[in-house]
Amino acid sequence: MRRRGERGGDGGDGDGDSGRAEGRAGAARQERGWLAWRAWLRTLLVDLLLIYISVPFLIRLFPVLLTKFVFLNFLAFPFFVDLRRPELLLNNTISLYLATEPGVTVGIWHTVPGSRGAEAQGKDQRWYEEALADAHPVIIYLHGNGGTRGASHRVQFLKTMGAADFHILALDYRGYGDSSGHPTESGFTTDVLALYDWAKARSGNSSILFWGHSLGTGIATNAARKLQEERGVQVDAVVLESPYTNIREAAAHIPITKIYRQFPGFDYLILDSLALGNMFFRSDENVKVLACPLLILHAEDDTVVPPHLGRKLFEMAHSAYKDKTKVKFITFPEKLGLGHDYISFNPELPTLVKDFLNIK
């Protein structure tokens, strides 16, 4: 018979063997898990590398893909705003729709001057149209890419300039918001000029100006130039907020292209493909032709379109204009934190614009 100590010793050895076996099994499982994770990570990195390499070539082969990145009209934010009911966001505002060419209808918000706010309560579209002839200046507001006329910074613009006694006509270009059609550079110009004609027919002697923001700055100068060259008509003024020189140069500086700037063939594969997609937005060439008052606004902390592009555009215009007093460049210091989208939040904006336009 074995002694108790011997039995205990046997049991201890068994427990030790069992523990070591479990330890080895656990280590094996851990190693298999690490190998599986490493394999997954390697696959992910390879996939990302392939995507990174293939995107420029896909853009070159299918430049229509690039239009999606430039226009971003599929990002219809804010997603739960009823564009037919601007009164939920704004006072003194109605929504209307304008056919700009066969098969294309664009949605527009019309905000009347704040001084007529009480009078505007409960009024219909006819009253708003007649109000355009009340001698207050009319802004045709041309927003940037992505979103709709209901985006928060655009609503703020309507509030700010409406309170300063401007009429504002803010449209969603074709393919944006509740407007029909598909976005193209030439189509945008058609939309803007159709709205200009509509407003001009109702505004009497009121001045009309184009106000473009970001992408809309190129649209504003395109429309102003076409109006001048093809009809011999000058828009009363153009205001460019956070502008660029042309879309190619803008694309070379915006943050989204930073990861490709050192990519071999970046210019050929991506920048040159903008022209293949019929996107030019040549404000640098347009301002050399314009003769109307031109005001350029840029925040020093703009991280989307760097302010040196706005200054470069100003210098081109200033050099080309015979009357240098018609061109002005205003920068907003970094400490204000206005960035790319929030110049309209500056309470001094209406005064700066009125001073430039000689409006009291």
Protein backbone atom coordinates (compact mmCIF):
# COMPACT_ATOMS: atom_id res chain seq x y z
CA MET A 1 0.00 0.00 0.00
CA ARG A 2 1.15 3.52 -0.73
CA ARG A 3 1.46 6.01 1.95
CA ARG A 4 -0.68 9.06 2.04
CA GLY A 5 2.29 11.22 1.22
CA GLU A 6 2.98 9.15 -1.84
CA ARG A 7 -0.60 9.41 -2.99
CA GLY A 8 -0.45 13.16 -2.44
CA GLY A 9 2.80 13.30 -4.35
CA ASP A 10 1.30 11.45 -7.29
CA GLY A 11 -1.68 13.78 -7.28
CA GLY A 12 0.60 16.81 -7.20
CA ASP A 13 2.60 15.59 -10.16
CA GLY A 14 -0.65 15.04 -12.07
CA ASP A 15 -1.85 18.52 -11.32
CA GLY A 16 1.46 19.96 -12.44
CA ASP A 17 1.41 18.04 -15.69
CA SER A 18 -2.16 19.15 -16.29
CA GLY A 19 -1.27 22.79 -15.60
CA ARG A 20 1.71 22.69 -17.93
CA ALA A 21 -0.44 21.12 -20.64
CA GLU A 22 -3.07 23.80 -20.24
CA GLY A 23 -0.35 26.45 -20.35
CA ARG A 24 1.03 25.04 -23.58
CA ALA A 25 -2.47 24.88 -25.05
CA GLY A 26 -3.13 28.48 -24.04
CA ALA A 27 0.16 29.61 -25.55
CA ALA A 28 -0.69 27.75 -28.73
CA ARG A 29 -4.10 29.41 -28.90
CA GLN A 30 -2.51 32.80 -28.27
CA GLU A 31 0.04 32.19 -31.01
CA ARG A 32 -2.68 31.09 -33.44
CA GLY A 33 -4.68 34.21 -32.54
CA TRP A 34 -1.65 36.42 -33.11
CA LEU A 35 -0.90 34.73 -36.45
CA ALA A 36 -4.53 35.14 -37.54
CA TRP A 37 -4.55 38.79 -36.49
CA ARG A 38 -1.25 39.41 -38.29
CA ALA A 39 -2.60 37.75 -41.43
CA TRP A 40 -5.76 39.89 -41.24
CA LEU A 41 -3.69 43.04 -40.77
CA ARG A 42 -1.45 42.14 -43.68
CA THR A 43 -4.48 41.55 -45.90
CA LEU A 44 -5.98 44.85 -44.83
CA LEU A 45 -2.79 46.77 -45.55
CA VAL A 46 -2.45 45.12 -48.96
CA ASP A 47 -6.07 45.95 -49.78
CA LEU A 48 -5.59 49.58 -48.71
CA LEU A 49 -2.42 49.82 -50.77
CA LEU A 50 -4.19 48.44 -53.83
CA ILE A 51 -7.05 50.91 -53.36
CA TYR A 52 -4.59 53.78 -52.89
CA ILE A 53 -2.73 52.85 -56.07
CA SER A 54 -5.82 52.14 -58.16
CA VAL A 55 -7.81 55.31 -57.37
CA PRO A 56 -5.71 57.70 -59.52
CA PHE A 57 -5.85 55.31 -62.47
CA LEU A 58 -9.60 54.82 -62.10
CA ILE A 59 -10.05 58.59 -62.03
CA ARG A 60 -8.01 58.95 -65.19
CA LEU A 61 -10.01 56.22 -66.93
CA PHE A 62 -13.38 57.40 -65.60
CA PRO A 63 -13.18 61.16 -64.92
CA VAL A 64 -16.87 61.18 -64.08
CA LEU A 65 -15.77 59.73 -60.73
CA LEU A 66 -13.89 62.94 -60.07
CA THR A 67 -17.02 65.02 -60.57
CA LYS A 68 -18.55 63.16 -57.64
CA PHE A 69 -15.66 64.26 -55.42
CA VAL A 70 -15.77 67.85 -56.67
CA PHE A 71 -19.53 68.44 -56.52
CA LEU A 72 -20.45 66.15 -53.58
CA ASN A 73 -24.10 66.74 -54.46
CA PHE A 74 -24.94 63.25 -53.20
CA LEU A 75 -24.24 64.52 -49.66
CA ALA A 76 -27.65 66.15 -49.28
CA PHE A 77 -27.20 67.32 -45.69
CA PRO A 78 -28.95 68.31 -43.52
CA PHE A 79 -30.86 65.12 -44.18
CA PHE A 80 -34.11 65.84 -42.37
CA VAL A 81 -34.84 69.40 -43.50
CA ASP A 82 -37.95 69.95 -45.62
CA LEU A 83 -36.66 72.39 -48.22
CA ARG A 84 -40.24 73.31 -49.10
CA ARG A 85 -40.67 74.74 -45.61
CA PRO A 86 -37.83 77.20 -44.94
CA GLU A 87 -39.96 78.89 -42.27
CA LEU A 88 -38.90 76.10 -39.94
CA LEU A 89 -35.37 77.54 -40.05
CA LEU A 90 -35.76 81.13 -41.21
CA ASN A 91 -38.07 84.10 -40.89
CA ASN A 92 -39.31 86.06 -43.90
CA THR A 93 -38.47 83.24 -46.32
CA ILE A 94 -40.39 81.18 -48.87
CA SER A 95 -39.40 78.35 -51.19
CA LEU A 96 -40.02 78.60 -54.93
CA TYR A 97 -39.07 76.64 -58.03
CA LEU A 98 -37.76 77.86 -61.36
CA ALA A 99 -37.43 76.01 -64.66
CA THR A 100 -33.99 76.97 -65.96
CA GLU A 101 -34.16 74.90 -69.14
CA PRO A 102 -36.33 72.05 -70.42
CA GLY A 103 -36.23 69.19 -67.93
CA VAL A 104 -34.43 71.14 -65.19
CA THR A 105 -36.11 72.84 -62.25
CA VAL A 106 -34.14 74.34 -59.37
CA GLY A 107 -35.26 75.01 -55.82
CA ILE A 108 -34.74 78.51 -54.40
CA TRP A 109 -35.23 80.22 -51.05
CA HIS A 110 -36.16 83.89 -51.12
CA THR A 111 -35.47 85.82 -47.93
CA VAL A 112 -36.79 89.40 -47.83
CA PRO A 113 -35.09 92.23 -45.92
CA GLY A 114 -35.54 92.15 -42.17
CA SER A 115 -37.14 95.59 -42.21
CA ARG A 116 -40.07 94.03 -44.07
CA GLY A 117 -40.32 91.02 -41.80
CA ALA A 118 -43.60 91.97 -40.09
CA GLU A 119 -45.17 92.81 -43.43
CA ALA A 120 -44.05 89.48 -44.92
CA GLN A 121 -45.99 87.36 -42.43
CA GLY A 122 -48.47 85.13 -44.22
CA LYS A 123 -47.70 86.52 -47.68
CA ASP A 124 -47.60 84.36 -50.79
CA GLN A 125 -45.03 84.04 -53.56
CA ARG A 126 -46.59 86.84 -55.60
CA TRP A 127 -46.03 89.32 -52.75
CA TYR A 128 -42.41 88.18 -52.40
CA GLU A 129 -41.82 88.63 -56.14
CA GLU A 130 -43.25 92.15 -56.06
CA ALA A 131 -41.11 92.93 -53.02
CA LEU A 132 -37.97 92.51 -55.14
CA ALA A 133 -38.63 95.96 -56.62
CA ASP A 134 -38.50 97.74 -53.24
CA ALA A 135 -35.02 99.22 -53.93
CA HIS A 136 -33.21 96.92 -51.50
CA PRO A 137 -30.22 95.17 -53.16
CA VAL A 138 -30.65 91.55 -54.24
CA ILE A 139 -28.05 88.85 -53.56
CA ILE A 140 -28.05 85.72 -55.70
CA TYR A 141 -26.29 83.34 -53.32
CA LEU A 142 -24.23 80.53 -54.87
CA HIS A 143 -23.21 77.97 -52.29
CA GLY A 144 -20.25 75.59 -52.21
CA ASN A 145 -20.13 71.86 -52.87
CA GLY A 146 -22.00 69.31 -50.79
CA GLY A 147 -25.20 69.81 -48.86
CA THR A 148 -28.19 71.96 -49.74
CA ARG A 149 -29.38 75.51 -49.21
CA GLY A 150 -30.55 74.29 -45.79
CA ALA A 151 -27.00 73.72 -44.43
CA SER A 152 -26.44 75.60 -41.17
CA HIS A 153 -23.76 78.02 -42.39
CA ARG A 154 -25.90 78.87 -45.42
CA VAL A 155 -28.91 79.49 -43.23
CA GLN A 156 -26.71 81.77 -41.13
CA PHE A 157 -25.75 83.70 -44.26
CA LEU A 158 -29.42 84.30 -45.08
CA LYS A 159 -30.06 85.44 -41.52
CA THR A 160 -27.07 87.78 -41.45
CA MET A 161 -27.60 89.44 -44.81
CA GLY A 162 -31.39 89.41 -44.54
CA ALA A 163 -31.14 91.30 -41.25
CA ALA A 164 -28.89 93.79 -43.07
CA ASP A 165 -31.77 94.54 -45.47
CA PHE A 166 -30.73 92.52 -48.49
CA HIS A 167 -33.01 90.29 -50.50
CA ILE A 168 -31.36 86.89 -50.85
CA LEU A 169 -32.15 84.31 -53.53
CA ALA A 170 -30.34 81.12 -52.52
CA LEU A 171 -30.59 78.31 -55.04
CA ASP A 172 -29.63 74.69 -55.13
CA TYR A 173 -28.04 74.08 -58.51
CA ARG A 174 -29.23 71.25 -60.70
CA GLY A 175 -28.61 67.93 -58.99
CA TYR A 176 -28.50 69.48 -55.50
CA GLY A 177 -31.21 69.40 -52.84
CA ASP A 178 -34.66 69.19 -54.41
CA SER A 179 -33.49 70.47 -57.81
CA SER A 180 -33.70 68.14 -60.78
CA GLY A 181 -31.02 67.40 -63.37
CA HIS A 182 -27.36 66.48 -63.07
CA PRO A 183 -24.54 68.79 -62.01
CA THR A 184 -22.20 70.21 -64.67
CA GLU A 185 -20.20 73.41 -64.79
CA SER A 186 -22.04 74.73 -67.84
CA GLY A 187 -25.38 73.69 -66.32
CA PHE A 188 -24.65 75.70 -63.19
CA THR A 189 -24.09 78.81 -65.31
CA THR A 190 -27.40 78.21 -67.07
CA ASP A 191 -29.18 77.93 -63.72
CA VAL A 192 -27.65 81.13 -62.37
CA LEU A 193 -28.37 83.19 -65.47
CA ALA A 194 -31.97 81.95 -65.54
CA LEU A 195 -32.37 83.08 -61.93
CA TYR A 196 -30.70 86.40 -62.75
CA ASP A 197 -33.16 86.98 -65.61
CA TRP A 198 -36.08 86.04 -63.36
CA ALA A 199 -34.92 88.44 -60.65
CA LYS A 200 -34.06 91.23 -63.08
CA ALA A 201 -37.56 91.10 -64.56
CA ARG A 202 -39.02 91.74 -61.09
CA SER A 203 -36.47 93.90 -59.30
CA GLY A 204 -36.94 97.21 -61.12
CA ASN A 205 -33.92 99.41 -60.42
CA SER A 206 -32.69 97.35 -57.47
CA SER A 207 -29.07 96.28 -57.77
CA ILE A 208 -28.31 92.57 -58.17
CA LEU A 209 -25.05 90.95 -57.12
CA PHE A 210 -23.63 87.45 -57.32
CA TRP A 211 -22.27 86.10 -54.04
CA GLY A 212 -20.31 82.89 -54.38
CA HIS A 213 -18.88 80.76 -51.60
CA SER A 214 -16.13 78.17 -52.17
CA LEU A 215 -17.11 76.18 -55.29
CA GLY A 216 -19.76 78.85 -55.89
CA THR A 217 -17.07 81.49 -56.47
CA GLY A 218 -16.13 79.85 -59.74
CA ILE A 219 -19.80 79.63 -60.67
CA ALA A 220 -20.27 83.32 -59.85
CA THR A 221 -17.39 84.50 -62.06
CA ASN A 222 -18.46 82.16 -64.88
CA ALA A 223 -21.96 83.63 -64.85
CA ALA A 224 -20.76 87.22 -64.55
CA ARG A 225 -18.35 86.79 -67.46
CA LYS A 226 -20.92 85.14 -69.70
CA LEU A 227 -23.44 87.86 -68.89
CA GLN A 228 -20.91 90.51 -69.82
CA GLU A 229 -19.44 88.92 -72.94
CA GLU A 230 -22.56 87.44 -74.52
CA ARG A 231 -25.14 90.06 -73.52
CA GLY A 232 -23.07 93.14 -72.86
CA VAL A 233 -24.58 93.35 -69.36
CA GLN A 234 -22.67 93.79 -66.13
CA VAL A 235 -23.95 92.34 -62.90
CA ASP A 236 -23.92 95.12 -60.29
CA ALA A 237 -21.24 93.42 -58.17
CA VAL A 238 -19.57 90.09 -57.44
CA VAL A 239 -18.60 88.96 -53.94
CA LEU A 240 -16.30 85.94 -53.64
CA GLU A 241 -16.10 84.25 -50.24
CA SER A 242 -13.25 81.76 -49.70
CA PRO A 243 -12.37 81.64 -53.41
CA TYR A 244 -9.78 79.81 -55.48
CA THR A 245 -8.09 80.70 -58.74
CA ASN A 246 -9.27 77.71 -60.76
CA ILE A 247 -10.45 74.24 -59.86
CA ARG A 248 -7.17 72.59 -60.85
CA GLU A 249 -5.15 74.74 -58.51
CA ALA A 250 -7.75 74.34 -55.78
CA ALA A 251 -7.58 70.55 -56.11
CA ALA A 252 -3.82 70.71 -55.71
CA HIS A 253 -4.21 72.35 -52.30
CA ILE A 254 -7.35 70.98 -50.65
CA PRO A 255 -6.74 68.53 -47.77
CA ILE A 256 -8.31 65.49 -49.44
CA THR A 257 -5.59 65.39 -52.14
CA LYS A 258 -2.71 65.66 -49.67
CA ILE A 259 -2.20 61.89 -49.56
CA TYR A 260 -1.62 61.86 -53.34
CA ARG A 261 0.57 64.92 -53.86
CA GLN A 262 3.75 62.82 -53.78
CA PHE A 263 2.16 60.07 -55.87
CA PRO A 264 3.99 59.57 -59.18
CA GLY A 265 1.86 61.10 -61.92
CA PHE A 266 -0.38 63.07 -59.53
CA ASP A 267 -0.71 65.97 -61.98
CA TYR A 268 -1.45 63.76 -64.97
CA LEU A 269 -3.68 61.19 -63.28
CA ILE A 270 -5.73 63.47 -61.03
CA LEU A 271 -5.31 67.18 -61.77
CA ASP A 272 -5.37 66.82 -65.55
CA SER A 273 -8.44 64.60 -65.26
CA LEU A 274 -10.49 67.58 -64.08
CA ALA A 275 -10.42 68.90 -67.63
CA LEU A 276 -11.48 65.49 -68.95
CA GLY A 277 -14.51 65.81 -66.66
CA ASN A 278 -15.22 69.29 -68.11
CA MET A 279 -14.44 71.05 -64.84
CA PHE A 280 -12.43 74.27 -65.07
CA PHE A 281 -14.01 77.09 -63.02
CA ARG A 282 -11.42 79.59 -64.26
CA SER A 283 -11.98 82.52 -61.95
CA ASP A 284 -8.39 83.64 -62.62
CA GLU A 285 -9.25 84.12 -66.29
CA ASN A 286 -12.74 85.46 -65.61
CA VAL A 287 -11.65 88.31 -63.35
CA LYS A 288 -9.35 89.60 -66.08
CA VAL A 289 -12.44 90.26 -68.18
CA LEU A 290 -14.87 91.57 -65.56
CA ALA A 291 -15.39 95.28 -64.95
CA CYS A 292 -18.02 95.20 -62.16
CA PRO A 293 -17.13 95.85 -58.50
CA LEU A 294 -15.37 92.77 -57.10
CA LEU A 295 -15.02 92.01 -53.40
CA ILE A 296 -12.94 89.04 -52.21
CA LEU A 297 -13.29 87.70 -48.66
CA HIS A 298 -10.99 85.12 -47.09
CA ALA A 299 -10.28 83.88 -43.56
CA GLU A 300 -6.63 83.43 -42.64
CA ASP A 301 -7.43 80.11 -40.95
CA ASP A 302 -9.15 78.60 -43.98
CA THR A 303 -7.83 75.03 -44.12
CA VAL A 304 -9.91 73.98 -47.14
CA VAL A 305 -8.99 76.66 -49.68
CA PRO A 306 -5.80 78.37 -48.45
CA PRO A 307 -5.99 82.17 -48.29
CA HIS A 308 -3.02 82.63 -50.60
CA LEU A 309 -5.28 81.51 -53.47
CA GLY A 310 -7.73 84.29 -52.60
CA ARG A 311 -4.90 86.80 -52.50
CA LYS A 312 -3.53 85.52 -55.81
CA LEU A 313 -6.96 85.95 -57.40
CA PHE A 314 -7.18 89.49 -56.02
CA GLU A 315 -3.76 90.38 -57.41
CA MET A 316 -4.78 89.10 -60.86
CA ALA A 317 -7.99 91.11 -60.78
CA HIS A 318 -6.31 94.22 -59.41
CA SER A 319 -3.70 94.04 -62.16
CA ALA A 320 -6.35 93.66 -64.89
CA TYR A 321 -8.93 96.20 -63.69
CA LYS A 322 -8.57 99.72 -65.08
CA ASP A 323 -10.38 101.16 -62.08
CA LYS A 324 -8.45 99.70 -59.16
CA THR A 325 -10.98 101.01 -56.63
CA LYS A 326 -13.48 98.45 -57.90
CA VAL A 327 -11.44 95.54 -56.50
CA LYS A 328 -10.97 94.89 -52.80
CA PHE A 329 -9.57 92.05 -50.71
CA ILE A 330 -10.58 91.62 -47.07
CA THR A 331 -9.02 89.01 -44.78
CA PHE A 332 -10.32 87.86 -41.42
CA PRO A 333 -7.70 87.11 -38.74
CA GLU A 334 -7.16 83.59 -37.49
CA LYS A 335 -8.23 84.53 -33.94
CA LEU A 336 -11.84 84.91 -35.15
CA GLY A 337 -11.95 81.19 -36.02
CA LEU A 338 -14.08 81.69 -39.13
CA GLY A 339 -12.31 79.07 -41.23
CA HIS A 340 -13.75 78.12 -44.58
CA ASP A 341 -17.49 78.22 -43.86
CA TYR A 342 -18.17 80.78 -41.16
CA ILE A 343 -17.37 84.25 -42.47
CA SER A 344 -21.12 84.91 -42.42
CA PHE A 345 -21.01 84.53 -38.62
CA ASN A 346 -18.92 87.70 -38.37
CA PRO A 347 -21.30 90.50 -37.27
CA GLU A 348 -19.18 93.06 -39.13
CA LEU A 349 -19.74 91.38 -42.51
CA PRO A 350 -22.81 93.43 -43.60
CA THR A 351 -21.04 96.70 -42.81
CA LEU A 352 -17.95 95.66 -44.76
CA VAL A 353 -20.05 94.74 -47.78
CA LYS A 354 -22.19 97.87 -47.63
CA ASP A 355 -19.14 100.08 -47.34
CA PHE A 356 -17.65 98.48 -50.43
CA LEU A 357 -20.90 98.82 -52.37
CA ASN A 358 -21.54 102.34 -51.05
CA ILE A 359 -24.86 101.23 -49.59
CA LYS A 360 -26.17 102.90 -46.44
